[in-house]
């Protein structure tokens, strides 16, 4: 018959091929095992615990990697974050940019507010919104760069 190496479609008997792979892995000494596992001797089956007459056998519960619980630290339970710093007061130029954006939104949404026709207030409102946003973006504070520091900025 054909084997896995000879046939591009795979082995004829998948169970036999799987058993061969498992046997190769069990023969490997570097194969990772659970610390509680004893090395298996070929041909031996693990013994089941004795069951009293009239009762049913229940599989023993073993602890596994998902049964691990982190140790409780008392300091972590009572952590209170510090108060955040107060918000900085906005500069007059920042307030001017915000006012320009608000006036632009009002002109765009309520054209009769200025007493002009909607053909004039809508483009004027859009220009005011764009100008106010541009003004605010240009006024963003840039932290001074240290010329001697070549590390990442956080």
Protein backbone atom coordinates (compact mmCIF):
# COMPACT_ATOMS: atom_id res chain seq x y z
CA UNK A 1 0.00 0.00 0.00
CA UNK A 2 1.00 3.61 -0.28
CA UNK A 3 2.31 5.57 2.69
CA UNK A 4 2.03 9.21 3.55
CA UNK A 5 5.33 10.07 1.95
CA UNK A 6 4.44 8.36 -1.31
CA UNK A 7 0.88 9.62 -1.78
CA UNK A 8 0.15 13.33 -2.18
CA UNK A 9 -3.46 12.84 -1.05
CA UNK A 10 -2.50 11.48 2.37
CA UNK A 11 -2.35 8.07 4.02
CA UNK A 12 -4.84 5.34 3.34
CA UNK A 13 -5.38 4.61 7.02
CA UNK A 14 -5.53 7.83 9.03
CA UNK A 15 -5.80 6.07 12.40
CA UNK A 16 -2.63 4.11 11.76
CA UNK A 17 -0.77 7.24 10.67
CA UNK A 18 -1.94 9.08 13.80
CA UNK A 19 -0.87 6.21 16.02
CA UNK A 20 2.54 6.26 14.32
CA UNK A 21 2.93 9.99 14.98
CA UNK A 22 1.94 9.61 18.65
CA UNK A 23 4.35 6.68 19.08
CA UNK A 24 7.19 8.77 17.61
CA UNK A 25 6.40 11.62 20.00
CA UNK A 26 6.26 9.31 23.02
CA UNK A 27 9.64 7.81 22.14
CA UNK A 28 11.18 11.29 22.01
CA UNK A 29 12.85 12.10 25.34
CA UNK A 30 12.63 15.84 24.77
CA UNK A 31 8.85 15.71 24.36
CA UNK A 32 7.18 17.87 27.00
CA UNK A 33 5.32 15.99 29.71
CA UNK A 34 3.25 17.12 32.67
CA UNK A 35 5.32 17.18 35.85
CA UNK A 36 2.94 14.71 37.54
CA UNK A 37 3.06 12.21 34.69
CA UNK A 38 5.15 9.15 35.16
CA UNK A 39 6.94 7.81 32.12
CA UNK A 40 4.68 5.29 30.45
CA UNK A 41 5.93 1.79 29.92
CA UNK A 42 4.80 0.28 26.64
CA UNK A 43 2.11 -2.34 27.03
CA UNK A 44 0.95 -1.25 30.50
CA UNK A 45 -2.34 0.47 31.09
CA UNK A 46 -2.84 2.79 34.05
CA UNK A 47 -4.63 1.14 36.93
CA UNK A 48 -8.08 2.39 37.89
CA UNK A 49 -8.76 3.02 41.57
CA UNK A 50 -10.79 0.31 43.30
CA UNK A 51 -14.55 0.87 43.45
CA UNK A 52 -16.66 -0.25 46.39
CA UNK A 53 -19.47 -2.68 45.65
CA UNK A 54 -22.76 -1.01 44.73
CA UNK A 55 -21.22 2.36 43.74
CA UNK A 56 -20.31 3.80 40.40
CA UNK A 57 -16.82 4.83 39.43
CA UNK A 58 -16.18 8.55 39.15
CA UNK A 59 -13.16 9.88 37.34
CA UNK A 60 -10.76 11.58 39.77
CA UNK A 61 -10.56 15.36 39.43
CA UNK A 62 -7.04 16.41 38.67
CA UNK A 63 -5.85 19.95 38.81
CA UNK A 64 -4.67 21.36 35.53
CA UNK A 65 -3.23 24.62 34.28
CA UNK A 66 -6.66 26.28 34.24
CA UNK A 67 -7.23 25.52 37.93
CA UNK A 68 -4.43 27.86 38.98
CA UNK A 69 -5.51 30.99 40.86
CA UNK A 70 -3.40 34.08 41.35
CA UNK A 71 -2.37 34.81 44.92
CA UNK A 72 -4.42 37.56 46.51
CA UNK A 73 -2.42 40.61 47.46
CA UNK A 74 -4.00 42.77 50.16
CA UNK A 75 -2.46 45.94 48.77
CA UNK A 76 -4.14 45.42 45.40
CA UNK A 77 -7.59 45.06 46.97
CA UNK A 78 -7.55 48.54 48.51
CA UNK A 79 -5.98 50.60 45.75
CA UNK A 80 -7.42 54.09 45.45
CA UNK A 81 -6.25 56.02 42.39
CA UNK A 82 -4.94 59.53 42.98
CA UNK A 83 -7.07 62.52 42.11
CA UNK A 84 -6.53 63.67 38.53
CA UNK A 85 -4.96 67.06 38.04
CA UNK A 86 -7.35 69.92 37.29
CA UNK A 87 -8.04 70.83 33.68
CA UNK A 88 -5.92 73.71 32.44
CA UNK A 89 -7.69 77.00 31.82
CA UNK A 90 -8.01 77.70 28.09
CA UNK A 91 -6.06 80.60 26.61
CA UNK A 92 -7.92 83.54 25.05
CA UNK A 93 -6.77 82.49 21.57
CA UNK A 94 -8.22 79.02 22.14
CA UNK A 95 -11.51 80.52 23.26
CA UNK A 96 -11.54 82.71 20.12
CA UNK A 97 -11.16 79.61 17.93
CA UNK A 98 -14.01 77.85 19.73
CA UNK A 99 -16.25 80.91 19.35
CA UNK A 100 -15.51 81.06 15.60
CA UNK A 101 -16.46 77.36 15.23
CA UNK A 102 -19.70 77.87 17.19
CA UNK A 103 -20.65 80.93 15.09
CA UNK A 104 -19.93 78.94 11.92
CA UNK A 105 -22.19 76.09 13.10
CA UNK A 106 -24.96 78.57 13.92
CA UNK A 107 -24.65 80.20 10.48
CA UNK A 108 -24.75 76.79 8.77
CA UNK A 109 -27.71 75.43 10.76
CA UNK A 110 -29.80 78.59 11.26
CA UNK A 111 -29.33 80.76 8.15
CA UNK A 112 -31.90 83.39 9.18
CA UNK A 113 -30.00 84.18 12.40
CA UNK A 114 -27.76 86.77 10.76
CA UNK A 115 -30.54 88.29 8.64
CA UNK A 116 -28.83 87.21 5.43
CA UNK A 117 -30.00 84.81 2.76
CA UNK A 118 -29.15 81.12 3.05
CA UNK A 119 -27.00 81.30 -0.10
CA UNK A 120 -24.60 83.56 1.80
CA UNK A 121 -24.76 82.16 5.35
CA UNK A 122 -24.18 78.49 4.47
CA UNK A 123 -20.83 79.07 2.70
CA UNK A 124 -19.92 81.66 5.34
CA UNK A 125 -20.71 79.15 8.10
CA UNK A 126 -18.61 76.45 6.43
CA UNK A 127 -15.69 78.86 6.04
CA UNK A 128 -15.98 79.91 9.69
CA UNK A 129 -16.06 76.26 10.86
CA UNK A 130 -13.01 75.40 8.73
CA UNK A 131 -11.13 78.50 9.83
CA UNK A 132 -11.89 77.90 13.52
CA UNK A 133 -10.77 74.27 13.36
CA UNK A 134 -7.62 75.27 11.47
CA UNK A 135 -6.90 77.98 14.05
CA UNK A 136 -7.31 75.50 16.92
CA UNK A 137 -5.05 72.95 15.22
CA UNK A 138 -2.34 75.52 14.58
CA UNK A 139 -2.46 76.64 18.21
CA UNK A 140 -1.88 73.15 19.66
CA UNK A 141 0.93 73.14 22.14
CA UNK A 142 4.03 71.32 21.03
CA UNK A 143 6.29 70.14 23.85
CA UNK A 144 9.88 71.35 23.56
CA UNK A 145 12.22 68.71 22.19
CA UNK A 146 15.38 67.81 24.03
CA UNK A 147 18.23 67.75 21.54
CA UNK A 148 20.30 65.35 23.65
CA UNK A 149 17.50 62.76 24.09
CA UNK A 150 17.20 60.12 21.36
CA UNK A 151 14.63 57.89 23.13
CA UNK A 152 10.94 57.44 22.59
CA UNK A 153 8.51 60.06 23.80
CA UNK A 154 5.68 58.94 26.04
